[in-house]
N, C-alpha and C. Protein backbone atom coordinates (compact mmCIF):
# COMPACT_ATOMS: atom_id res chain seq x y z
N ASP A 1 87.77 89.45 131.03
CA ASP A 1 87.28 89.23 132.38
C ASP A 1 86.50 87.92 132.40
N PRO A 2 86.92 86.95 133.21
CA PRO A 2 86.24 85.65 133.21
C PRO A 2 84.81 85.71 133.73
N ASP A 3 84.47 86.72 134.54
CA ASP A 3 83.12 86.81 135.08
C ASP A 3 82.14 87.45 134.09
N SER A 4 82.57 88.53 133.45
CA SER A 4 81.67 89.26 132.55
C SER A 4 81.91 88.94 131.07
N CYS A 5 82.97 88.21 130.77
CA CYS A 5 83.36 87.88 129.38
C CYS A 5 83.67 89.12 128.55
N GLU A 6 84.01 90.22 129.20
CA GLU A 6 84.41 91.43 128.49
C GLU A 6 85.90 91.39 128.19
N ASP A 7 86.27 91.93 127.01
CA ASP A 7 87.67 92.03 126.63
C ASP A 7 88.27 93.29 127.22
N TYR A 8 89.54 93.20 127.61
CA TYR A 8 90.30 94.35 128.06
C TYR A 8 91.60 94.39 127.27
N VAL A 9 91.94 95.57 126.81
CA VAL A 9 93.19 95.75 126.09
C VAL A 9 94.27 96.11 127.10
N VAL A 10 95.34 95.32 127.10
CA VAL A 10 96.46 95.56 128.00
C VAL A 10 97.63 96.03 127.15
N THR A 11 98.20 97.18 127.48
CA THR A 11 99.35 97.70 126.75
C THR A 11 100.50 97.91 127.72
N ILE A 12 101.70 97.67 127.21
CA ILE A 12 102.91 97.88 127.98
C ILE A 12 103.81 98.78 127.16
N GLY A 13 104.24 99.88 127.71
CA GLY A 13 105.10 100.80 126.97
C GLY A 13 104.29 101.72 126.09
N ASN A 14 104.99 102.37 125.17
CA ASN A 14 104.36 103.33 124.28
C ASN A 14 104.40 102.83 122.85
N PRO A 15 103.37 103.14 122.08
CA PRO A 15 103.37 102.73 120.66
C PRO A 15 104.55 103.35 119.92
N ASN A 16 105.06 102.63 118.92
CA ASN A 16 106.12 103.18 118.08
C ASN A 16 105.90 102.73 116.64
N GLU A 17 106.79 103.15 115.73
CA GLU A 17 106.62 102.87 114.31
C GLU A 17 106.80 101.39 113.95
N CYS A 18 107.30 100.57 114.88
CA CYS A 18 107.51 99.14 114.61
C CYS A 18 106.28 98.31 114.94
N GLU A 19 105.27 98.92 115.53
CA GLU A 19 104.12 98.16 116.00
C GLU A 19 102.82 98.74 115.48
N ASN A 20 101.83 97.89 115.33
CA ASN A 20 100.49 98.29 114.92
C ASN A 20 99.54 97.94 116.05
N TRP A 21 99.26 98.89 116.87
CA TRP A 21 98.42 98.66 118.06
C TRP A 21 96.93 98.76 117.75
N ASP A 22 96.59 99.15 116.54
CA ASP A 22 95.18 99.40 116.22
C ASP A 22 94.42 98.15 115.77
N VAL A 23 95.12 97.08 115.44
CA VAL A 23 94.46 95.88 114.92
C VAL A 23 94.35 94.84 116.02
N ARG A 24 93.17 94.68 116.57
CA ARG A 24 92.98 93.70 117.64
C ARG A 24 92.86 92.31 117.04
N GLY A 25 93.63 91.37 117.57
CA GLY A 25 93.59 90.00 117.10
C GLY A 25 94.48 89.73 115.91
N GLY A 26 95.07 90.76 115.35
CA GLY A 26 95.96 90.60 114.21
C GLY A 26 97.41 90.76 114.63
N PRO A 27 98.33 90.66 113.67
CA PRO A 27 99.74 90.82 114.01
C PRO A 27 100.03 92.25 114.46
N CYS A 28 100.84 92.37 115.47
CA CYS A 28 101.17 93.69 116.02
C CYS A 28 102.51 94.18 115.48
N THR A 29 103.51 93.32 115.41
CA THR A 29 104.85 93.74 115.04
C THR A 29 104.94 93.95 113.54
N LEU A 30 105.30 95.18 113.13
CA LEU A 30 105.43 95.51 111.72
C LEU A 30 106.88 95.41 111.25
N HIS A 31 107.83 95.73 112.13
CA HIS A 31 109.25 95.72 111.80
C HIS A 31 110.03 95.16 112.98
N CYS A 32 111.20 94.60 112.70
CA CYS A 32 112.05 94.03 113.75
C CYS A 32 112.44 95.10 114.77
N GLN A 33 112.47 94.69 116.01
CA GLN A 33 112.95 95.56 117.08
C GLN A 33 113.48 94.68 118.20
N SER A 34 114.37 95.23 119.00
CA SER A 34 114.93 94.43 120.09
C SER A 34 114.71 95.11 121.42
N PHE A 35 114.68 94.27 122.45
CA PHE A 35 114.48 94.72 123.82
C PHE A 35 115.56 94.06 124.67
N VAL A 36 116.22 94.83 125.50
CA VAL A 36 117.30 94.31 126.34
C VAL A 36 116.85 94.35 127.80
N PHE A 37 117.02 93.19 128.48
CA PHE A 37 116.61 93.07 129.88
C PHE A 37 117.80 92.61 130.72
N PRO A 38 118.00 93.21 131.91
CA PRO A 38 119.05 92.71 132.79
C PRO A 38 118.59 91.42 133.47
N VAL A 39 119.47 90.43 133.48
CA VAL A 39 119.22 89.17 134.17
C VAL A 39 120.47 88.88 134.99
N GLY A 40 120.40 89.14 136.29
CA GLY A 40 121.59 88.99 137.13
C GLY A 40 122.65 89.98 136.69
N LYS A 41 123.86 89.49 136.41
CA LYS A 41 124.96 90.34 135.96
C LYS A 41 125.06 90.41 134.44
N ARG A 42 124.12 89.80 133.75
CA ARG A 42 124.14 89.77 132.29
C ARG A 42 122.90 90.47 131.73
N PHE A 43 122.90 90.58 130.43
CA PHE A 43 121.76 91.17 129.74
C PHE A 43 121.25 90.18 128.70
N VAL A 44 119.94 90.14 128.54
CA VAL A 44 119.30 89.28 127.54
C VAL A 44 118.63 90.19 126.52
N ARG A 45 118.92 89.93 125.26
CA ARG A 45 118.29 90.70 124.18
C ARG A 45 117.25 89.81 123.51
N LEU A 46 116.00 90.28 123.47
CA LEU A 46 114.94 89.60 122.75
C LEU A 46 114.66 90.40 121.48
N ILE A 47 114.63 89.72 120.35
CA ILE A 47 114.34 90.37 119.08
C ILE A 47 112.93 89.98 118.66
N ASP A 48 112.07 90.96 118.55
CA ASP A 48 110.69 90.74 118.12
C ASP A 48 110.63 90.98 116.61
N THR A 49 110.04 90.03 115.89
CA THR A 49 109.98 90.12 114.43
C THR A 49 108.54 90.05 113.95
N PRO A 50 108.28 90.51 112.73
CA PRO A 50 106.93 90.36 112.18
C PRO A 50 106.59 88.88 112.00
N SER A 51 105.32 88.59 111.98
CA SER A 51 104.84 87.21 111.84
C SER A 51 105.03 86.69 110.43
N ILE A 52 105.28 85.40 110.33
CA ILE A 52 105.42 84.72 109.05
C ILE A 52 104.17 83.87 108.82
N GLY A 53 103.69 83.83 107.58
CA GLY A 53 102.57 82.96 107.24
C GLY A 53 101.21 83.49 107.59
N ILE A 54 101.12 84.71 108.05
CA ILE A 54 99.82 85.27 108.43
C ILE A 54 98.98 85.57 107.20
N THR A 55 99.59 86.17 106.18
CA THR A 55 98.85 86.58 104.99
C THR A 55 98.73 85.48 103.95
N MET A 56 99.49 84.40 104.10
CA MET A 56 99.55 83.32 103.11
C MET A 56 100.04 83.83 101.77
N ASP A 57 100.84 84.89 101.79
CA ASP A 57 101.43 85.46 100.59
C ASP A 57 102.93 85.20 100.61
N PRO A 58 103.43 84.28 99.78
CA PRO A 58 104.86 83.95 99.80
C PRO A 58 105.76 85.15 99.54
N GLU A 59 105.31 86.09 98.72
CA GLU A 59 106.11 87.28 98.44
C GLU A 59 106.25 88.15 99.69
N GLN A 60 105.17 88.31 100.44
CA GLN A 60 105.21 89.08 101.69
C GLN A 60 106.11 88.37 102.71
N ASP A 61 105.99 87.05 102.80
CA ASP A 61 106.85 86.30 103.72
C ASP A 61 108.32 86.43 103.34
N SER A 62 108.60 86.45 102.04
CA SER A 62 109.98 86.62 101.58
C SER A 62 110.54 87.97 102.02
N LYS A 63 109.72 89.02 101.95
CA LYS A 63 110.14 90.35 102.40
C LYS A 63 110.41 90.34 103.91
N ILE A 64 109.55 89.65 104.65
CA ILE A 64 109.72 89.59 106.11
C ILE A 64 110.99 88.83 106.46
N PHE A 65 111.22 87.68 105.80
CA PHE A 65 112.45 86.93 106.04
C PHE A 65 113.68 87.78 105.74
N HIS A 66 113.64 88.52 104.65
CA HIS A 66 114.76 89.40 104.29
C HIS A 66 115.00 90.43 105.39
N GLU A 67 113.93 91.02 105.91
CA GLU A 67 114.07 91.99 107.00
C GLU A 67 114.67 91.35 108.25
N ILE A 68 114.22 90.14 108.58
CA ILE A 68 114.73 89.45 109.76
C ILE A 68 116.22 89.14 109.60
N PHE A 69 116.61 88.61 108.44
CA PHE A 69 118.02 88.30 108.19
C PHE A 69 118.87 89.56 108.21
N THR A 70 118.39 90.63 107.60
CA THR A 70 119.12 91.89 107.57
C THR A 70 119.29 92.46 108.98
N TYR A 71 118.26 92.34 109.78
CA TYR A 71 118.30 92.87 111.15
C TYR A 71 119.26 92.06 112.03
N THR A 72 119.19 90.74 111.92
CA THR A 72 119.97 89.90 112.84
C THR A 72 121.42 89.71 112.41
N ILE A 73 121.76 90.02 111.18
CA ILE A 73 123.13 89.80 110.71
C ILE A 73 124.13 90.71 111.43
N SER A 74 123.67 91.78 112.02
CA SER A 74 124.58 92.69 112.72
C SER A 74 125.07 92.12 114.06
N TYR A 75 124.46 91.04 114.53
CA TYR A 75 124.87 90.42 115.78
C TYR A 75 125.87 89.30 115.48
N GLN A 76 126.89 89.17 116.32
CA GLN A 76 127.92 88.16 116.08
C GLN A 76 127.40 86.74 116.24
N HIS A 77 126.48 86.54 117.18
CA HIS A 77 125.90 85.21 117.36
C HIS A 77 124.54 85.31 118.02
N LEU A 78 123.76 84.27 117.83
CA LEU A 78 122.46 84.13 118.49
C LEU A 78 122.54 82.91 119.38
N ASN A 79 122.09 83.03 120.60
CA ASN A 79 122.14 81.90 121.53
C ASN A 79 120.92 81.00 121.41
N ALA A 80 119.82 81.56 120.96
CA ALA A 80 118.60 80.76 120.87
C ALA A 80 117.63 81.43 119.91
N ILE A 81 116.75 80.63 119.34
CA ILE A 81 115.66 81.15 118.52
C ILE A 81 114.38 80.55 119.08
N LEU A 82 113.45 81.41 119.41
CA LEU A 82 112.17 80.98 119.97
C LEU A 82 111.08 81.30 118.96
N ILE A 83 110.34 80.29 118.55
CA ILE A 83 109.26 80.48 117.60
C ILE A 83 107.95 80.21 118.32
N LEU A 84 107.06 81.18 118.29
CA LEU A 84 105.78 81.06 118.98
C LEU A 84 104.67 80.79 117.96
N PHE A 85 103.82 79.84 118.26
CA PHE A 85 102.69 79.49 117.42
C PHE A 85 101.41 79.69 118.21
N ARG A 86 100.35 80.05 117.51
CA ARG A 86 99.05 80.11 118.16
C ARG A 86 98.62 78.69 118.52
N SER A 87 97.98 78.53 119.63
CA SER A 87 97.62 77.19 120.10
C SER A 87 96.58 76.53 119.22
N ASN A 88 95.81 77.31 118.49
CA ASN A 88 94.77 76.73 117.63
C ASN A 88 95.18 76.66 116.17
N GLU A 89 96.47 76.85 115.89
CA GLU A 89 96.98 76.85 114.51
C GLU A 89 97.10 75.43 113.96
N CYS A 90 96.66 75.23 112.74
CA CYS A 90 96.81 73.94 112.07
C CYS A 90 98.28 73.72 111.74
N ARG A 91 98.83 72.58 112.07
CA ARG A 91 100.25 72.35 111.92
C ARG A 91 100.59 71.45 110.72
N ASP A 92 99.69 71.30 109.79
CA ASP A 92 99.99 70.45 108.64
C ASP A 92 100.24 71.27 107.37
N THR A 93 100.75 72.50 107.54
CA THR A 93 101.07 73.34 106.41
C THR A 93 102.59 73.39 106.21
N THR A 94 103.02 73.94 105.08
CA THR A 94 104.45 74.03 104.79
C THR A 94 105.18 74.94 105.77
N TYR A 95 104.50 75.87 106.40
CA TYR A 95 105.16 76.75 107.35
C TYR A 95 105.68 75.99 108.56
N PHE A 96 105.02 74.89 108.91
CA PHE A 96 105.44 74.12 110.07
C PHE A 96 106.42 73.05 109.67
């Protein structure tokens, strides 16, 4: 709230085994999952994946990459890949 500077938790949908809703400010997505939305006469599928580089543990990142590749290989093609970064993230690391 901009007037009182109080935080409010906004949730959409119901918690599931792919998400960690209990950690505020940390990564939420634990496992890959997809969401399909109608757009006109077509459908758009968004695939949400766990974050890379959060723990600074290359072994953990390797496991996450393996999960992402295993999850997405079942699709014949991908039209786009969107990578989101925190606005205050330092961009002079190997991840970038």
